[in-house]
Amino acid sequence: MRLNCGDTVPKSCSYTVVTDEGEVIGKVFMNEGETFPPTQVSGCHYEMD
């Protein structure tokens, strides 16, 4: 599931930060109901672990 900054976190868990090329550049733990923050690298998105 691809999630972007500004989206609401669907489930409390760790999310992987992924570039458009599929490279993993980080992980972040988010709580359900929070809003995904902007990524440090433009064009990245979040994926549920």
C-alpha atoms as a PDB file:
ATOM      1  CA  MET A   1       0.000   0.000   0.000  1.00  0.00           C
ATOM      2  CA  ARG A   2       1.530   3.307  -1.111  1.00  0.00           C
ATOM      3  CA  LEU A   3       0.932   6.223   1.265  1.00  0.00           C
ATOM      4  CA  ASN A   4       1.984   9.838   0.800  1.00  0.00           C
ATOM      5  CA  CYS A   5       2.688  12.791   3.063  1.00  0.00           C
ATOM      6  CA  GLY A   6      -0.580  14.321   4.204  1.00  0.00           C
ATOM      7  CA  ASP A   7      -2.364  10.944   4.214  1.00  0.00           C
ATOM      8  CA  THR A   8      -3.887   9.698   7.472  1.00  0.00           C
ATOM      9  CA  VAL A   9      -2.053   6.757   9.065  1.00  0.00           C
ATOM     10  CA  PRO A  10      -4.372   3.718   8.777  1.00  0.00           C
ATOM     11  CA  LYS A  11      -2.695   1.527  11.433  1.00  0.00           C
ATOM     12  CA  SER A  12      -0.126   1.994  14.220  1.00  0.00           C
ATOM     13  CA  CYS A  13       3.065   0.338  12.981  1.00  0.00           C
ATOM     14  CA  SER A  14       6.414   0.933  11.296  1.00  0.00           C
ATOM     15  CA  TYR A  15       6.375   2.354   7.782  1.00  0.00           C
ATOM     16  CA  THR A  16       9.198   2.202   5.254  1.00  0.00           C
ATOM     17  CA  VAL A  17      10.213   5.336   3.342  1.00  0.00           C
ATOM     18  CA  VAL A  18      10.722   4.359  -0.315  1.00  0.00           C
ATOM     19  CA  THR A  19      11.959   6.320  -3.353  1.00  0.00           C
ATOM     20  CA  ASP A  20      10.137   6.188  -6.704  1.00  0.00           C
ATOM     21  CA  GLU A  21      12.883   3.776  -7.845  1.00  0.00           C
ATOM     22  CA  GLY A  22      12.021   1.374  -4.988  1.00  0.00           C
ATOM     23  CA  GLU A  23      15.068   2.122  -2.798  1.00  0.00           C
ATOM     24  CA  VAL A  24      14.400   1.974   0.960  1.00  0.00           C
ATOM     25  CA  ILE A  25      15.849   5.050   2.635  1.00  0.00           C
ATOM     26  CA  GLY A  26      14.357   4.875   6.124  1.00  0.00           C
ATOM     27  CA  LYS A  27      11.700   3.707   8.540  1.00  0.00           C
ATOM     28  CA  VAL A  28       9.359   5.559  10.841  1.00  0.00           C
ATOM     29  CA  PHE A  29       6.847   4.438  13.481  1.00  0.00           C
ATOM     30  CA  MET A  30       3.488   6.161  13.169  1.00  0.00           C
ATOM     31  CA  ASN A  31       0.324   5.945  15.263  1.00  0.00           C
ATOM     32  CA  GLU A  32      -3.121   5.395  13.773  1.00  0.00           C
ATOM     33  CA  GLY A  33      -4.878   8.671  12.971  1.00  0.00           C
ATOM     34  CA  GLU A  34      -1.696  10.755  12.665  1.00  0.00           C
ATOM     35  CA  THR A  35      -0.781  12.479   9.408  1.00  0.00           C
ATOM     36  CA  PHE A  36       2.266  11.324   7.438  1.00  0.00           C
ATOM     37  CA  PRO A  37       4.882  14.101   7.435  1.00  0.00           C
ATOM     38  CA  PRO A  38       6.789  15.239   4.346  1.00  0.00           C
ATOM     39  CA  THR A  39       9.715  12.963   3.505  1.00  0.00           C
ATOM     40  CA  GLN A  40      13.271  14.299   3.611  1.00  0.00           C
ATOM     41  CA  VAL A  41      13.767  13.363  -0.047  1.00  0.00           C
ATOM     42  CA  SER A  42      11.390  14.654  -2.710  1.00  0.00           C
ATOM     43  CA  GLY A  43       9.315  12.031  -4.524  1.00  0.00           C
ATOM     44  CA  CYS A  44       9.343   9.418  -1.734  1.00  0.00           C
ATOM     45  CA  HIS A  45       6.344   7.647  -0.270  1.00  0.00           C
ATOM     46  CA  TYR A  46       5.543   5.399   2.706  1.00  0.00           C
ATOM     47  CA  GLU A  47       4.764   1.688   2.654  1.00  0.00           C
ATOM     48  CA  MET A  48       3.391  -0.423   5.495  1.00  0.00           C
ATOM     49  CA  ASP A  49       5.886  -3.028   6.764  1.00  0.00           C
END
